[in-house]
Amino acid sequence: MPAAEELTPPQAAHWAARTGLLLPDDRHEAVAATANHIHSVVAVLRELDFADTPPTPFPAEEEPYAGEEPYAEEKPYAEEEPHRAAV
């Protein structure tokens, strides 16, 4: 897979704006650097070959949520005021 060009600060601002996130001018460079770093890490991970590596199963006693609902203890939001539509 060919290496992609690095994202420039103006491009980072452009793509953020397309998603509705308006970045202050002083954040463009930091956002571009962070995006480029994430891209480089993901590129390395994509090159790893896990074809012969089976997933590690959880031991039965450590399996998350074994035999129970994950959010059974939570209570509904009865204390909150019900939503009212704007008129």
N, C-alpha and C. Protein backbone atom coordinates (compact mmCIF):
# COMPACT_ATOMS: atom_id res chain seq x y z
N MET A 1 0.85 -1.18 0.00
CA MET A 1 0.00 0.00 0.00
C MET A 1 0.90 1.24 0.00
N PRO A 2 0.69 2.16 -0.94
CA PRO A 2 1.55 3.35 -0.99
C PRO A 2 1.29 4.26 0.19
N ALA A 3 2.34 4.96 0.59
CA ALA A 3 2.23 5.90 1.71
C ALA A 3 1.39 7.09 1.29
N ALA A 4 0.51 7.49 2.14
CA ALA A 4 -0.34 8.65 1.86
C ALA A 4 0.39 9.92 2.27
N GLU A 5 0.02 11.02 1.63
CA GLU A 5 0.60 12.30 2.01
C GLU A 5 0.12 12.66 3.41
N GLU A 6 0.96 13.41 4.11
CA GLU A 6 0.55 13.85 5.45
C GLU A 6 -0.50 14.94 5.32
N LEU A 7 -1.38 14.97 6.29
CA LEU A 7 -2.42 15.98 6.35
C LEU A 7 -1.79 17.31 6.76
N THR A 8 -2.11 18.36 6.03
CA THR A 8 -1.58 19.68 6.35
C THR A 8 -2.55 20.39 7.30
N PRO A 9 -2.09 21.42 8.02
CA PRO A 9 -3.00 22.16 8.89
C PRO A 9 -4.24 22.72 8.17
N PRO A 10 -4.10 23.29 6.97
CA PRO A 10 -5.32 23.75 6.28
C PRO A 10 -6.28 22.61 5.93
N GLN A 11 -5.71 21.45 5.57
CA GLN A 11 -6.57 20.29 5.28
C GLN A 11 -7.28 19.81 6.54
N ALA A 12 -6.59 19.81 7.67
CA ALA A 12 -7.22 19.41 8.93
C ALA A 12 -8.39 20.34 9.24
N ALA A 13 -8.20 21.63 9.04
CA ALA A 13 -9.28 22.59 9.28
C ALA A 13 -10.44 22.36 8.32
N HIS A 14 -10.11 22.08 7.08
CA HIS A 14 -11.15 21.82 6.06
C HIS A 14 -11.99 20.61 6.43
N TRP A 15 -11.33 19.49 6.75
CA TRP A 15 -12.07 18.26 7.08
C TRP A 15 -12.84 18.41 8.38
N ALA A 16 -12.30 19.12 9.34
CA ALA A 16 -13.04 19.35 10.58
C ALA A 16 -14.28 20.19 10.30
N ALA A 17 -14.14 21.22 9.47
CA ALA A 17 -15.28 22.08 9.13
C ALA A 17 -16.36 21.30 8.39
N ARG A 18 -15.96 20.35 7.55
CA ARG A 18 -16.95 19.53 6.83
C ARG A 18 -17.80 18.71 7.77
N THR A 19 -17.26 18.37 8.94
CA THR A 19 -18.04 17.61 9.92
C THR A 19 -18.77 18.51 10.89
N GLY A 20 -18.65 19.84 10.73
CA GLY A 20 -19.34 20.78 11.59
C GLY A 20 -18.51 21.25 12.77
N LEU A 21 -17.24 20.91 12.80
CA LEU A 21 -16.36 21.32 13.88
C LEU A 21 -15.45 22.44 13.38
N LEU A 22 -15.69 23.65 13.85
CA LEU A 22 -14.87 24.78 13.44
C LEU A 22 -13.71 24.92 14.42
N LEU A 23 -12.51 24.68 13.93
CA LEU A 23 -11.32 24.74 14.77
C LEU A 23 -10.77 26.16 14.83
N PRO A 24 -10.35 26.60 16.01
CA PRO A 24 -9.65 27.88 16.08
C PRO A 24 -8.33 27.78 15.29
N ASP A 25 -7.88 28.89 14.75
CA ASP A 25 -6.67 28.89 13.92
C ASP A 25 -5.45 28.29 14.63
N ASP A 26 -5.36 28.50 15.94
CA ASP A 26 -4.18 28.01 16.65
C ASP A 26 -4.21 26.50 16.89
N ARG A 27 -5.29 25.81 16.52
CA ARG A 27 -5.40 24.36 16.72
C ARG A 27 -5.13 23.56 15.44
N HIS A 28 -5.08 24.20 14.29
CA HIS A 28 -4.93 23.49 13.02
C HIS A 28 -3.68 22.62 13.00
N GLU A 29 -2.57 23.18 13.43
CA GLU A 29 -1.30 22.44 13.38
C GLU A 29 -1.32 21.23 14.32
N ALA A 30 -1.83 21.42 15.53
CA ALA A 30 -1.88 20.31 16.50
C ALA A 30 -2.82 19.21 16.03
N VAL A 31 -3.95 19.57 15.46
CA VAL A 31 -4.91 18.58 14.97
C VAL A 31 -4.30 17.80 13.80
N ALA A 32 -3.62 18.50 12.90
CA ALA A 32 -2.98 17.82 11.78
C ALA A 32 -1.90 16.86 12.27
N ALA A 33 -1.10 17.29 13.24
CA ALA A 33 -0.04 16.42 13.78
C ALA A 33 -0.63 15.19 14.45
N THR A 34 -1.72 15.37 15.20
CA THR A 34 -2.37 14.23 15.86
C THR A 34 -2.95 13.27 14.84
N ALA A 35 -3.62 13.80 13.82
CA ALA A 35 -4.19 12.94 12.78
C ALA A 35 -3.09 12.17 12.05
N ASN A 36 -1.97 12.83 11.76
CA ASN A 36 -0.87 12.15 11.08
C ASN A 36 -0.28 11.05 11.95
N HIS A 37 -0.18 11.30 13.25
CA HIS A 37 0.35 10.27 14.15
C HIS A 37 -0.60 9.07 14.19
N ILE A 38 -1.89 9.32 14.34
CA ILE A 38 -2.86 8.22 14.36
C ILE A 38 -2.79 7.44 13.05
N HIS A 39 -2.70 8.15 11.94
CA HIS A 39 -2.61 7.47 10.64
C HIS A 39 -1.38 6.59 10.56
N SER A 40 -0.25 7.06 11.08
CA SER A 40 0.98 6.26 11.01
C SER A 40 0.87 5.00 11.88
N VAL A 41 0.22 5.11 13.04
CA VAL A 41 0.03 3.94 13.91
C VAL A 41 -0.90 2.94 13.24
N VAL A 42 -1.99 3.42 12.68
CA VAL A 42 -2.94 2.52 12.01
C VAL A 42 -2.28 1.85 10.82
N ALA A 43 -1.43 2.57 10.09
CA ALA A 43 -0.74 1.98 8.95
C ALA A 43 0.15 0.82 9.39
N VAL A 44 0.83 0.96 10.51
CA VAL A 44 1.67 -0.13 11.02
C VAL A 44 0.80 -1.31 11.43
N LEU A 45 -0.31 -1.05 12.10
CA LEU A 45 -1.20 -2.13 12.53
C LEU A 45 -1.78 -2.89 11.34
N ARG A 46 -2.05 -2.18 10.27
CA ARG A 46 -2.59 -2.85 9.07
C ARG A 46 -1.58 -3.80 8.44
N GLU A 47 -0.32 -3.55 8.64
CA GLU A 47 0.72 -4.40 8.06
C GLU A 47 0.94 -5.68 8.85
N LEU A 48 0.48 -5.74 10.08
CA LEU A 48 0.68 -6.93 10.90
C LEU A 48 -0.18 -8.08 10.39
N ASP A 49 0.39 -9.28 10.41
CA ASP A 49 -0.32 -10.46 9.94
C ASP A 49 -0.79 -11.27 11.15
N PHE A 50 -2.09 -11.26 11.38
CA PHE A 50 -2.65 -12.00 12.49
C PHE A 50 -3.36 -13.28 12.02
N ALA A 51 -3.10 -13.71 10.80
CA ALA A 51 -3.82 -14.83 10.22
C ALA A 51 -3.72 -16.10 11.06
N ASP A 52 -2.58 -16.39 11.66
CA ASP A 52 -2.41 -17.62 12.42
C ASP A 52 -2.58 -17.41 13.92
N THR A 53 -3.05 -16.25 14.33
CA THR A 53 -3.19 -15.95 15.75
C THR A 53 -4.67 -16.05 16.15
N PRO A 54 -5.03 -17.09 16.90
CA PRO A 54 -6.43 -17.19 17.31
C PRO A 54 -6.74 -16.19 18.42
N PRO A 55 -7.99 -15.77 18.52
CA PRO A 55 -8.34 -14.87 19.61
C PRO A 55 -8.21 -15.59 20.95
N THR A 56 -7.88 -14.85 21.98
CA THR A 56 -7.75 -15.43 23.31
C THR A 56 -9.13 -15.48 23.95
N PRO A 57 -9.61 -16.67 24.30
CA PRO A 57 -10.93 -16.75 24.93
C PRO A 57 -10.86 -16.32 26.40
N PHE A 58 -11.95 -15.76 26.90
CA PHE A 58 -12.05 -15.43 28.32
C PHE A 58 -12.28 -16.72 29.09
N PRO A 59 -11.59 -16.91 30.22
CA PRO A 59 -11.98 -18.02 31.09
C PRO A 59 -13.41 -17.75 31.58
N ALA A 60 -14.19 -18.80 31.77
CA ALA A 60 -15.61 -18.66 32.11
C ALA A 60 -15.83 -17.73 33.30
N GLU A 61 -14.98 -17.80 34.32
CA GLU A 61 -15.19 -16.97 35.50
C GLU A 61 -14.82 -15.52 35.27
N GLU A 62 -14.08 -15.21 34.20
CA GLU A 62 -13.68 -13.84 33.92
C GLU A 62 -14.45 -13.22 32.75
N GLU A 63 -15.33 -13.98 32.15
CA GLU A 63 -16.06 -13.47 31.00
C GLU A 63 -16.92 -12.28 31.42
N PRO A 64 -16.82 -11.18 30.71
CA PRO A 64 -17.60 -10.01 31.10
C PRO A 64 -19.09 -10.30 31.00
N TYR A 65 -19.82 -9.90 32.01
CA TYR A 65 -21.28 -10.00 32.05
C TYR A 65 -21.78 -11.44 31.97
N ALA A 66 -21.02 -12.40 32.47
CA ALA A 66 -21.44 -13.79 32.42
C ALA A 66 -22.72 -13.98 33.22
N GLY A 67 -23.77 -14.38 32.53
CA GLY A 67 -25.02 -14.70 33.18
C GLY A 67 -25.83 -13.54 33.71
N GLU A 68 -25.52 -12.32 33.34
CA GLU A 68 -26.29 -11.18 33.83
C GLU A 68 -26.38 -10.12 32.75
N GLU A 69 -27.37 -9.30 32.86
CA GLU A 69 -27.52 -8.18 31.95
C GLU A 69 -26.50 -7.11 32.34
N PRO A 70 -25.79 -6.51 31.38
CA PRO A 70 -24.73 -5.57 31.72
C PRO A 70 -25.21 -4.32 32.46
N TYR A 71 -26.42 -3.86 32.22
CA TYR A 71 -26.89 -2.63 32.85
C TYR A 71 -28.16 -2.86 33.67
N ALA A 72 -28.30 -4.04 34.24
CA ALA A 72 -29.50 -4.38 34.98
C ALA A 72 -29.67 -3.51 36.22
N GLU A 73 -28.58 -2.99 36.78
CA GLU A 73 -28.65 -2.22 38.02
C GLU A 73 -29.06 -0.77 37.79
N GLU A 74 -28.97 -0.29 36.57
CA GLU A 74 -29.28 1.11 36.33
C GLU A 74 -30.76 1.37 36.48
N LYS A 75 -31.08 2.55 36.98
CA LYS A 75 -32.47 2.95 37.16
C LYS A 75 -32.84 3.94 36.07
N PRO A 76 -34.11 3.96 35.68
CA PRO A 76 -34.51 4.94 34.67
C PRO A 76 -34.40 6.35 35.22
N TYR A 77 -34.41 7.30 34.35
CA TYR A 77 -34.25 8.70 34.72
C TYR A 77 -35.57 9.29 35.18
N ALA A 78 -36.18 8.72 36.18
CA ALA A 78 -37.48 9.17 36.67
C ALA A 78 -37.40 10.54 37.31
N GLU A 79 -36.25 10.90 37.86
CA GLU A 79 -36.10 12.17 38.56
C GLU A 79 -36.03 13.35 37.59
N GLU A 80 -35.65 13.09 36.37
CA GLU A 80 -35.48 14.18 35.42
C GLU A 80 -36.82 14.65 34.89
N GLU A 81 -36.85 15.91 34.52
CA GLU A 81 -38.06 16.48 33.94
C GLU A 81 -38.25 15.90 32.55
N PRO A 82 -39.46 15.52 32.17
CA PRO A 82 -39.68 14.97 30.83
C PRO A 82 -39.36 16.01 29.75
N HIS A 83 -38.95 15.53 28.61
CA HIS A 83 -38.59 16.41 27.49
C HIS A 83 -39.83 17.12 26.97
N ARG A 84 -39.69 18.40 26.75
CA ARG A 84 -40.79 19.17 26.18
C ARG A 84 -40.34 19.72 24.82
N ALA A 85 -41.16 19.51 23.85
CA ALA A 85 -40.82 20.00 22.51
C ALA A 85 -40.92 21.52 22.47
N ALA A 86 -40.01 22.13 21.75
CA ALA A 86 -40.05 23.59 21.59
C ALA A 86 -41.26 23.99 20.78
N VAL A 87 -41.89 25.04 21.19
CA VAL A 87 -43.10 25.50 20.47
C VAL A 87 -42.79 26.76 19.73
